[in-house]
Amino acid sequence: MIKKLLFASICACLGYISSASAQQMLKLDSLPKIHNNIFINTDTVAVPAVSENPLTMGQNFIYKLRLDSITKTVPLPYNEYVQQYIDIYAKRKDMFGKMIGLSSYYFPIFDKALKDYNIPQEIKYLTIVESQMNPHAISRVGATGIWQFMFGTGKAYGLKMDNFVDERKDPIQASYAAAAYFRDAFEELGDWLLAIAAYNCGKGNVNRAIDKAGSRDFWVIRQFLPKETRNYVPAFIAAVYVMNYSGKHQITAHAPGMFLKTDTVQTTRFVSLSTLAKVLNIDEAAIMALNPSYKKKIVNGTDDEPKRIVMPKLRDIDYAGIYDVLNNQEVDVNMKVVAASTDDARDLRKKKNKSITTSSVVYHKVTSGQSLTAVADKYGVEVQDLRVWNGLKSKTLVPGQRLKIYAKNRMPLKAPSSFLSYKVKTGDTLSEIAEKFDGATVQSIRRDNHLSKSGLQVGMILKISKG
């Protein structure tokens, strides 16, 4: 009997020790890869598909703990939506290796612009979701550059687009424009996650979602936002996580392939970047990577508008050659600056509404094999106009389809004064109003109407400068 009691006591002790050891193991950041381990999946080589990866206690604890540890000003909550994108991004080791490499060049640029506008530094990670830090990225709807500005929004925030330059592709100029947008969005919405959502779908859409949900919590209004925007914020949070915990997922930095140490000069002359590259004895692609906004590989500086040139850190032997290129060499190019046409369908609709059709609408019946380009050429109109007039989502045409075409002999409406009036409607924002009027910017509307804040009141009459 005594032997049986002794044996039972020993078994109980061993069970307690085993349980305590198991609990201690669960506190560790990295758990053994046991087949039936339900607490955390540490296999970052082949993450299970999202639909087969339900939340577990271990995942919740570890990822939430990590996100909490890097949270500063912008909230970084953990939930199943964020987990889905962590799973996706953690598998993209090559992509995030490149992001870490590029961040060594671009993040200091973003940080300075955001700091100057008192915007949280975490916002810089949006450039990964937006463009993968590619200044030449262009979305299917025309959003362009590292910060993916639409044509109208870029103009509203002071970015210039003409036949020589597209400042949406300028990392410095676009970063300041993005910082200004976030200043206005946060001032109006009062929440950083809502401001981030607004950057994707516009402040008007966010305000309408707030009204429908009766809440200012992103996760509550999420269901009322456009589909892309619902996932935009979780993707941002996941990008912040992976960039800060890349080592936990065996992601290593790639070389950025750019000169990290640079010098900057301002020029009031037209300068060939190709000639500059030869003088510096570097590849033309290398100088273009530092100056991605110049369309013709020519910097179009003038006395009224000096332009920036970014170059690799200069050596003593470079100065004479650089001076000659900047001051003595002429560029054989037509120096006339022509404002760029919009690549935004919304602006095209606006142009249509601002004009008067002096002849009746023409209808065209599509024939077999006919393309939108062929129809546009036949009537002397733009393909994008055809798409807007007819609500076409693609360029594909069907034989027999009827297309509405407006004649080109349209006369612009004449305004009697230097200002136009605009009555503020429900859901309007300053940036959206600025996009409605050529030459108007958020800053000019604020100035002309003595607005200290971006908040607007329904029914307010605004003066809009005609530029």
Protein backbone atom coordinates (compact mmCIF):
# COMPACT_ATOMS: atom_id res chain seq x y z
CA MET A 1 0.00 0.00 0.00
CA ILE A 2 2.80 2.40 0.93
CA LYS A 3 4.56 1.57 -2.39
CA LYS A 4 1.38 2.40 -4.37
CA LEU A 5 0.98 5.76 -2.56
CA LEU A 6 4.65 6.60 -3.17
CA PHE A 7 4.33 5.74 -6.87
CA ALA A 8 1.19 7.92 -7.23
CA SER A 9 2.92 10.88 -5.54
CA ILE A 10 5.92 10.63 -7.88
CA CYS A 11 3.63 10.55 -10.96
CA ALA A 12 1.74 13.62 -9.73
CA CYS A 13 4.99 15.52 -9.24
CA LEU A 14 6.21 14.58 -12.70
CA GLY A 15 2.89 15.73 -14.19
CA TYR A 16 3.15 19.12 -12.45
CA ILE A 17 6.74 19.60 -13.63
CA SER A 18 5.75 18.65 -17.19
CA SER A 19 2.84 21.12 -17.13
CA ALA A 20 5.03 23.93 -15.78
CA SER A 21 7.63 23.25 -18.44
CA ALA A 22 5.01 23.38 -21.17
CA GLN A 23 3.73 26.71 -19.91
CA GLN A 24 7.25 28.08 -19.84
CA MET A 25 7.81 26.96 -23.44
CA LEU A 26 4.70 28.84 -24.58
CA LYS A 27 6.17 32.09 -23.31
CA LEU A 28 9.11 31.76 -25.66
CA ASP A 29 9.09 33.82 -28.86
CA SER A 30 9.89 30.84 -31.05
CA LEU A 31 8.22 27.51 -30.34
CA PRO A 32 9.39 24.07 -31.49
CA LYS A 33 7.88 22.96 -34.81
CA ILE A 34 5.73 20.18 -33.44
CA HIS A 35 3.07 18.85 -35.78
CA ASN A 36 0.23 19.37 -33.33
CA ASN A 37 1.39 22.74 -32.00
CA ILE A 38 -1.80 24.85 -32.03
CA PHE A 39 -0.28 27.98 -30.52
CA ILE A 40 1.87 29.40 -33.31
CA ASN A 41 3.04 28.61 -36.79
CA THR A 42 6.74 29.47 -37.05
CA ASP A 43 7.10 28.12 -40.57
CA THR A 44 7.59 31.31 -42.58
CA VAL A 45 8.65 29.44 -45.71
CA ALA A 46 5.19 28.12 -46.51
CA VAL A 47 2.53 29.98 -44.58
CA PRO A 48 -0.87 28.27 -44.81
CA ALA A 49 -3.50 29.90 -47.01
CA VAL A 50 -5.47 32.61 -45.25
CA SER A 51 -8.73 30.66 -45.32
CA GLU A 52 -7.03 27.73 -43.57
CA ASN A 53 -5.23 29.77 -40.93
CA PRO A 54 -7.65 30.57 -38.08
CA LEU A 55 -6.54 32.72 -35.20
CA THR A 56 -5.01 30.97 -32.22
CA MET A 57 -3.97 32.06 -28.75
CA GLY A 58 -0.27 31.92 -29.57
CA GLN A 59 -0.56 33.98 -32.73
CA ASN A 60 -2.72 36.54 -30.98
CA PHE A 61 -0.29 36.89 -28.10
CA ILE A 62 2.93 37.10 -30.10
CA TYR A 63 1.79 39.35 -32.95
CA LYS A 64 -0.23 41.59 -30.69
CA LEU A 65 2.72 41.91 -28.34
CA ARG A 66 5.02 42.83 -31.20
CA LEU A 67 2.62 45.38 -32.66
CA ASP A 68 2.04 46.92 -29.24
CA SER A 69 5.80 47.26 -28.76
CA ILE A 70 6.24 49.34 -31.95
CA THR A 71 3.06 51.44 -31.64
CA LYS A 72 3.78 55.16 -31.36
CA THR A 73 1.17 57.66 -32.56
CA VAL A 74 -0.76 55.67 -35.17
CA PRO A 75 -2.73 52.79 -33.57
CA LEU A 76 -1.56 49.35 -34.71
CA PRO A 77 -4.31 46.98 -33.51
CA TYR A 78 -4.10 43.25 -34.09
CA ASN A 79 -7.03 41.27 -35.49
CA GLU A 80 -7.84 38.63 -38.10
CA TYR A 81 -7.70 41.16 -40.95
CA VAL A 82 -4.20 42.26 -40.00
CA GLN A 83 -3.13 38.63 -39.54
CA GLN A 84 -4.14 37.83 -43.12
CA TYR A 85 -1.80 40.47 -44.48
CA ILE A 86 1.01 39.54 -42.13
CA ASP A 87 0.75 36.04 -43.56
CA ILE A 88 0.84 37.39 -47.12
CA TYR A 89 3.69 39.84 -46.59
CA ALA A 90 5.80 37.45 -44.51
CA LYS A 91 5.93 35.16 -47.54
CA ARG A 92 7.13 37.93 -49.83
CA LYS A 93 10.70 37.80 -48.60
CA ASP A 94 12.25 39.07 -51.82
CA MET A 95 9.89 42.04 -52.02
CA PHE A 96 10.40 43.09 -48.41
CA GLY A 97 14.14 42.54 -48.71
CA LYS A 98 14.04 45.14 -51.49
CA MET A 99 11.83 47.41 -49.37
CA ILE A 100 14.33 47.35 -46.51
CA GLY A 101 17.13 48.17 -48.95
CA LEU A 102 15.24 51.05 -50.58
CA SER A 103 14.18 52.40 -47.20
CA SER A 104 17.77 53.36 -46.46
CA TYR A 105 17.48 55.96 -49.25
CA TYR A 106 13.80 56.95 -49.21
CA PHE A 107 12.85 56.84 -45.51
CA PRO A 108 15.03 59.84 -44.52
CA ILE A 109 13.27 61.84 -47.27
CA PHE A 110 9.84 60.78 -46.03
CA ASP A 111 10.77 61.37 -42.39
CA LYS A 112 11.81 64.97 -43.03
CA ALA A 113 8.63 65.89 -44.91
CA LEU A 114 6.39 64.20 -42.34
CA LYS A 115 8.24 65.83 -39.45
CA ASP A 116 7.92 69.28 -41.04
CA TYR A 117 4.12 68.83 -41.04
CA ASN A 118 4.06 67.15 -37.61
CA ILE A 119 2.77 63.90 -39.12
CA PRO A 120 3.60 60.54 -37.44
CA GLN A 121 6.67 58.90 -38.94
CA GLU A 122 4.79 55.58 -39.28
CA ILE A 123 2.88 57.02 -42.25
CA LYS A 124 5.99 56.45 -44.40
CA TYR A 125 5.21 52.71 -44.48
CA LEU A 126 2.19 53.49 -46.67
CA THR A 127 4.57 53.85 -49.61
CA ILE A 128 5.09 50.08 -49.47
CA VAL A 129 1.37 49.42 -49.83
CA GLU A 130 0.94 52.18 -52.41
CA SER A 131 3.85 51.64 -54.80
CA GLN A 132 6.52 49.42 -53.25
CA MET A 133 8.58 52.64 -53.20
CA ASN A 134 8.65 52.84 -57.00
CA PRO A 135 8.55 56.48 -58.22
CA HIS A 136 7.43 55.30 -61.66
CA ALA A 137 4.48 53.25 -60.40
CA ILE A 138 1.19 54.02 -62.18
CA SER A 139 -2.10 52.43 -61.14
CA ARG A 140 -4.84 51.33 -63.52
CA VAL A 141 -6.76 54.54 -62.77
CA GLY A 142 -3.77 56.86 -63.20
CA ALA A 143 -2.46 57.29 -59.65
CA THR A 144 1.25 57.99 -60.08
CA GLY A 145 4.51 57.96 -58.13
CA ILE A 146 5.73 56.68 -54.78
CA TRP A 147 2.74 58.25 -53.00
CA GLN A 148 0.30 57.42 -55.83
CA PHE A 149 -1.28 60.82 -56.36
CA MET A 150 -4.18 61.19 -58.77
CA PHE A 151 -3.78 64.10 -61.19
CA GLY A 152 -6.38 66.34 -59.52
CA THR A 153 -5.26 65.65 -55.96
CA GLY A 154 -1.64 66.26 -56.93
CA LYS A 155 -2.58 69.64 -58.43
CA ALA A 156 -4.68 70.49 -55.38
CA TYR A 157 -1.59 69.97 -53.21
CA GLY A 158 0.75 72.00 -55.39
CA LEU A 159 2.42 69.32 -57.53
CA LYS A 160 3.30 70.40 -61.08
CA MET A 161 2.76 68.23 -64.15
CA ASP A 162 3.88 69.44 -67.58
CA ASN A 163 5.76 68.24 -70.65
CA PHE A 164 9.07 68.29 -68.74
CA VAL A 165 8.22 67.15 -65.23
CA ASP A 166 5.74 65.12 -63.23
CA GLU A 167 6.29 66.02 -59.59
CA ARG A 168 4.15 63.10 -58.47
CA LYS A 169 7.30 61.08 -59.27
CA ASP A 170 9.55 63.41 -57.26
CA PRO A 171 10.12 61.68 -53.89
CA ILE A 172 10.72 65.00 -52.12
CA GLN A 173 7.89 67.10 -53.61
CA ALA A 174 5.38 64.24 -53.42
CA SER A 175 6.30 63.53 -49.79
CA TYR A 176 5.52 67.12 -48.79
CA ALA A 177 2.24 66.95 -50.69
CA ALA A 178 1.34 63.69 -48.92
CA ALA A 179 2.23 65.22 -45.55
CA ALA A 180 -0.04 68.19 -46.29
CA TYR A 181 -2.87 65.83 -47.24
CA PHE A 182 -2.52 63.91 -43.98
CA ARG A 183 -2.48 67.16 -42.02
CA ASP A 184 -5.83 68.11 -43.56
CA ALA A 185 -7.29 64.60 -43.27
CA PHE A 186 -6.44 64.25 -39.59
CA GLU A 187 -7.62 67.78 -38.85
CA GLU A 188 -10.99 66.90 -40.37
CA LEU A 189 -11.39 63.26 -39.26
CA GLY A 190 -9.54 63.30 -35.92
CA ASP A 191 -8.24 59.72 -36.22
CA TRP A 192 -5.11 58.41 -37.94
CA LEU A 193 -6.64 55.16 -39.20
CA LEU A 194 -9.49 57.16 -40.73
CA ALA A 195 -6.96 59.57 -42.27
CA ILE A 196 -5.11 56.61 -43.79
CA ALA A 197 -8.38 55.24 -45.18
CA ALA A 198 -9.14 58.68 -46.63
CA TYR A 199 -5.80 58.69 -48.42
CA ASN A 200 -7.01 55.64 -50.33
CA CYS A 201 -10.65 56.48 -51.07
CA GLY A 202 -11.01 60.20 -50.28
CA LYS A 203 -12.25 62.05 -47.23
CA GLY A 204 -15.75 62.26 -48.67
CA ASN A 205 -16.14 58.46 -48.78
CA VAL A 206 -14.88 58.15 -45.21
CA ASN A 207 -17.31 60.81 -43.97
CA ARG A 208 -20.19 59.04 -45.69
CA ALA A 209 -19.16 55.74 -44.08
CA ILE A 210 -19.02 57.48 -40.69
CA ASP A 211 -22.57 58.78 -41.19
CA LYS A 212 -23.86 55.33 -42.18
CA ALA A 213 -22.17 53.52 -39.30
CA GLY A 214 -22.77 56.19 -36.68
CA SER A 215 -19.21 55.68 -35.49
CA ARG A 216 -15.72 57.09 -35.99
CA ASP A 217 -14.01 53.73 -35.39
CA PHE A 218 -12.38 52.41 -38.57
CA TRP A 219 -13.22 48.80 -37.73
CA VAL A 220 -16.89 49.73 -37.29
CA ILE A 221 -17.21 51.80 -40.47
CA ARG A 222 -15.04 49.36 -42.46
CA GLN A 223 -18.05 47.56 -43.96
CA PHE A 224 -19.30 50.83 -45.49
CA LEU A 225 -16.02 51.68 -47.22
CA PRO A 226 -15.01 50.68 -50.77
CA LYS A 227 -13.68 47.12 -50.91
CA GLU A 228 -10.07 48.16 -51.56
CA THR A 229 -10.09 50.57 -48.63
CA ARG A 230 -11.40 47.92 -46.21
CA ASN A 231 -8.13 46.03 -46.70
CA TYR A 232 -5.90 49.09 -47.08
CA VAL A 233 -5.55 49.80 -43.36
CA PRO A 234 -4.88 46.14 -42.38
CA ALA A 235 -2.28 45.97 -45.16
CA PHE A 236 -0.62 49.13 -43.80
CA ILE A 237 -0.45 47.69 -40.27
CA ALA A 238 0.98 44.43 -41.61
CA ALA A 239 3.62 46.34 -43.62
CA VAL A 240 4.69 48.20 -40.47
CA TYR A 241 4.95 44.88 -38.65
CA VAL A 242 6.99 43.06 -41.30
CA MET A 243 9.40 45.97 -41.80
CA ASN A 244 10.07 46.08 -38.04
CA TYR A 245 10.17 42.32 -37.48
CA SER A 246 11.72 41.16 -40.75
CA GLY A 247 14.35 39.18 -38.86
CA LYS A 248 11.67 37.03 -37.23
CA HIS A 249 10.62 35.93 -40.71
CA GLN A 250 14.08 35.40 -42.19
CA ILE A 251 13.83 38.49 -44.42
CA THR A 252 17.17 40.12 -45.18
CA ALA A 253 17.89 43.51 -46.75
CA HIS A 254 18.85 43.76 -50.42
CA ALA A 255 21.27 46.34 -51.74
CA PRO A 256 19.20 49.36 -52.82
CA GLY A 257 21.03 49.81 -56.13
CA MET A 258 21.14 53.59 -55.61
CA PHE A 259 23.66 56.13 -54.40
CA LEU A 260 22.83 56.68 -50.73
CA LYS A 261 25.11 59.67 -50.20
CA THR A 262 24.07 62.58 -52.38
CA ASP A 263 24.51 66.29 -53.06
CA THR A 264 21.75 68.61 -54.25
CA VAL A 265 21.96 71.77 -56.38
CA GLN A 266 19.35 74.20 -57.69
CA THR A 267 19.56 75.30 -61.30
CA THR A 268 17.90 78.14 -63.22
CA ARG A 269 18.89 76.68 -66.59
CA PHE A 270 17.95 73.72 -68.76
CA VAL A 271 20.35 70.88 -67.96
CA SER A 272 20.79 67.49 -69.63
CA LEU A 273 20.90 64.67 -67.10
CA SER A 274 22.57 62.43 -69.70
CA THR A 275 25.45 64.92 -70.04
CA LEU A 276 25.65 65.20 -66.27
CA ALA A 277 25.97 61.42 -65.98
CA LYS A 278 28.88 61.38 -68.43
CA VAL A 279 30.72 64.09 -66.50
CA LEU A 280 30.19 62.17 -63.25
CA ASN A 281 31.23 58.93 -64.98
CA ILE A 282 28.10 57.07 -63.87
CA ASP A 283 25.32 55.27 -65.71
CA GLU A 284 22.49 57.40 -67.00
CA ALA A 285 20.07 55.13 -65.13
CA ALA A 286 21.81 56.02 -61.87
CA ILE A 287 21.26 59.78 -62.28
CA MET A 288 17.68 59.19 -63.42
CA ALA A 289 17.00 57.08 -60.31
CA LEU A 290 17.91 60.11 -58.22
CA ASN A 291 15.81 62.45 -60.41
CA PRO A 292 12.82 60.33 -61.52
CA SER A 293 10.39 63.20 -62.15
CA TYR A 294 12.06 64.59 -65.30
CA LYS A 295 10.29 63.12 -68.33
CA LYS A 296 12.82 64.06 -71.03
CA LYS A 297 15.97 63.54 -68.98
CA ILE A 298 16.20 67.32 -68.98
CA VAL A 299 15.94 69.57 -65.93
CA ASN A 300 13.92 72.66 -66.93
CA GLY A 301 15.08 75.28 -64.46
CA THR A 302 14.21 78.96 -64.88
CA ASP A 303 14.79 82.16 -62.90
CA ASP A 304 11.16 82.07 -61.74
CA GLU A 305 11.17 78.35 -60.95
CA PRO A 306 14.61 76.91 -60.14
CA LYS A 307 14.73 73.11 -60.27
CA ARG A 308 16.48 70.60 -58.04
CA ILE A 309 19.14 68.17 -59.27
CA VAL A 310 20.21 65.31 -57.00
CA MET A 311 23.66 63.85 -57.69
CA PRO A 312 25.94 61.28 -56.06
CA LYS A 313 28.20 62.78 -53.41
CA LEU A 314 30.64 64.95 -55.35
CA ARG A 315 34.38 64.46 -55.31
CA ASP A 316 36.88 67.28 -55.74
CA ILE A 317 37.61 66.18 -59.31
CA ASP A 318 33.90 66.49 -60.22
CA TYR A 319 33.41 70.20 -59.55
CA ALA A 320 34.93 71.66 -62.72
CA GLY A 321 32.91 69.40 -65.00
CA ILE A 322 29.69 69.92 -63.04
CA TYR A 323 30.15 73.69 -63.15
CA ASP A 324 30.57 73.56 -66.93
CA VAL A 325 27.39 71.50 -67.43
CA LEU A 326 25.32 73.69 -65.11
CA ASN A 327 26.50 77.04 -66.44
CA ASN A 328 27.97 76.82 -69.92
CA GLN A 329 26.41 73.99 -71.93
CA GLU A 330 23.26 74.62 -73.93
CA VAL A 331 20.50 72.02 -74.33
CA ASP A 332 19.00 71.61 -77.79
CA VAL A 333 15.32 71.39 -76.91
CA ASN A 334 12.13 73.38 -77.31
CA MET A 335 11.93 75.18 -73.98
CA LYS A 336 8.19 75.88 -74.12
CA VAL A 337 6.49 74.42 -71.05
CA VAL A 338 3.05 72.92 -71.71
CA ALA A 339 0.80 71.90 -68.84
CA ALA A 340 0.08 68.17 -68.84
CA SER A 341 -3.37 66.88 -69.72
CA THR A 342 -5.17 65.04 -66.96
CA ASP A 343 -4.86 61.27 -66.69
CA ASP A 344 -7.74 61.20 -64.22
CA ALA A 345 -11.23 60.27 -65.48
CA ARG A 346 -12.77 62.59 -62.89
CA ASP A 347 -10.98 65.57 -64.42
CA LEU A 348 -12.17 64.55 -67.87
CA ARG A 349 -15.75 64.55 -66.62
CA LYS A 350 -15.14 67.98 -65.13
CA LYS A 351 -13.83 69.31 -68.47
CA LYS A 352 -16.91 67.95 -70.21
CA ASN A 353 -19.23 69.70 -67.75
CA LYS A 354 -17.36 73.00 -68.16
CA SER A 355 -18.00 73.22 -71.88
CA ILE A 356 -21.01 73.77 -74.12
CA THR A 357 -21.69 71.40 -76.98
CA THR A 358 -22.48 73.48 -80.07
CA SER A 359 -23.82 70.57 -82.10
CA SER A 360 -25.96 67.52 -81.46
CA VAL A 361 -24.60 64.28 -80.06
CA VAL A 362 -23.31 61.77 -82.61
CA TYR A 363 -23.86 58.04 -82.16
CA HIS A 364 -21.45 55.52 -83.63
CA LYS A 365 -22.24 51.87 -84.25
CA VAL A 366 -19.22 49.64 -83.57
CA THR A 367 -18.21 47.34 -86.42
CA SER A 368 -16.41 44.00 -86.14
CA GLY A 369 -12.78 44.37 -85.08
CA GLN A 370 -13.10 48.09 -84.35
CA SER A 371 -11.19 49.44 -81.37
CA LEU A 372 -11.76 52.47 -79.16
CA THR A 373 -8.62 54.03 -80.62
CA ALA A 374 -9.97 53.67 -84.16
CA VAL A 375 -13.28 55.27 -83.16
CA ALA A 376 -11.51 58.11 -81.32
CA ASP A 377 -9.30 58.80 -84.34
CA LYS A 378 -12.30 58.82 -86.67
CA TYR A 379 -14.07 61.54 -84.70
CA GLY A 380 -11.00 63.42 -83.48
CA VAL A 381 -11.60 62.79 -79.78
CA GLU A 382 -9.67 61.14 -76.96
CA VAL A 383 -10.08 57.47 -75.99
CA GLN A 384 -10.53 58.50 -72.36
CA ASP A 385 -13.36 60.85 -73.39
CA LEU A 386 -15.15 57.97 -75.11
CA ARG A 387 -14.84 55.87 -71.97
CA VAL A 388 -16.21 58.66 -69.78
CA TRP A 389 -19.10 59.57 -72.10
CA ASN A 390 -20.19 55.95 -72.37
CA GLY A 391 -19.34 54.67 -68.89
CA LEU A 392 -16.90 52.10 -70.26
CA LYS A 393 -14.81 50.23 -67.70
CA SER A 394 -12.52 48.66 -70.31
CA LYS A 395 -11.36 49.27 -73.87
CA THR A 396 -13.16 46.19 -75.21
CA LEU A 397 -15.95 46.88 -77.72
CA VAL A 398 -18.71 44.62 -78.98
CA PRO A 399 -19.88 44.72 -82.64
CA GLY A 400 -23.19 46.56 -82.82
CA GLN A 401 -22.53 48.56 -79.65
CA ARG A 402 -23.61 52.22 -79.86
CA LEU A 403 -21.21 54.87 -78.63
CA LYS A 404 -22.19 58.43 -77.69
CA ILE A 405 -19.77 61.01 -79.10
CA TYR A 406 -19.73 64.76 -78.50
CA ALA A 407 -18.45 67.03 -81.26
CA LYS A 408 -15.14 68.75 -80.60
CA ASN A 409 -16.31 72.30 -81.49
CA ARG A 410 -17.14 73.17 -77.93
CA MET A 411 -16.88 76.68 -76.52
CA PRO A 412 -15.76 77.30 -72.94
CA LEU A 413 -18.11 79.10 -70.61
CA LYS A 414 -17.07 82.65 -69.78
CA ALA A 415 -16.97 83.75 -66.18
CA PRO A 416 -17.69 87.39 -65.47
CA SER A 417 -15.23 87.85 -62.61
CA SER A 418 -11.89 86.62 -61.25
CA PHE A 419 -13.67 84.45 -58.67
CA LEU A 420 -16.21 81.67 -58.90
CA SER A 421 -18.64 80.77 -56.14
CA TYR A 422 -19.14 77.30 -54.75
CA LYS A 423 -21.76 76.21 -52.21
CA VAL A 424 -20.44 73.53 -49.85
CA LYS A 425 -22.39 70.27 -49.93
CA THR A 426 -22.59 67.42 -47.44
CA GLY A 427 -19.41 65.35 -47.52
CA ASP A 428 -17.34 68.00 -49.36
CA THR A 429 -13.67 68.40 -48.44
CA LEU A 430 -11.23 71.14 -49.40
CA SER A 431 -9.12 68.83 -51.54
CA GLU A 432 -12.16 67.53 -53.43
CA ILE A 433 -13.43 71.07 -54.02
CA ALA A 434 -9.98 72.13 -55.27
CA GLU A 435 -10.03 69.27 -57.76
CA LYS A 436 -13.24 70.65 -59.29
CA PHE A 437 -11.62 73.93 -60.40
CA ASP A 438 -8.59 74.44 -62.64
CA GLY A 439 -5.83 76.34 -60.85
CA ALA A 440 -7.41 75.97 -57.41
CA THR A 441 -5.45 74.45 -54.54
CA VAL A 442 -6.27 73.68 -50.93
CA GLN A 443 -3.98 76.54 -49.89
CA SER A 444 -5.59 79.09 -52.26
CA ILE A 445 -9.12 78.22 -51.07
CA ARG A 446 -8.02 78.58 -47.46
CA ARG A 447 -6.35 81.92 -48.20
CA ASP A 448 -9.18 83.43 -50.26
CA ASN A 449 -11.81 82.45 -47.68
CA HIS A 450 -9.72 83.11 -44.55
CA LEU A 451 -10.10 79.53 -43.36
CA SER A 452 -7.85 78.65 -40.46
CA LYS A 453 -8.91 75.01 -40.51
CA SER A 454 -9.97 72.56 -43.20
CA GLY A 455 -13.37 72.04 -41.59
CA LEU A 456 -16.28 73.16 -43.76
CA GLN A 457 -19.94 73.84 -43.05
CA VAL A 458 -22.72 72.68 -45.35
CA GLY A 459 -24.20 75.70 -47.16
CA MET A 460 -21.06 77.82 -46.81
CA ILE A 461 -20.32 79.88 -49.95
CA LEU A 462 -16.66 79.71 -50.96
CA LYS A 463 -14.81 82.06 -53.28
CA ILE A 464 -12.72 80.08 -55.77
CA SER A 465 -9.94 81.87 -57.62
CA LYS A 466 -9.95 81.22 -61.35
CA GLY A 467 -6.17 80.99 -61.28
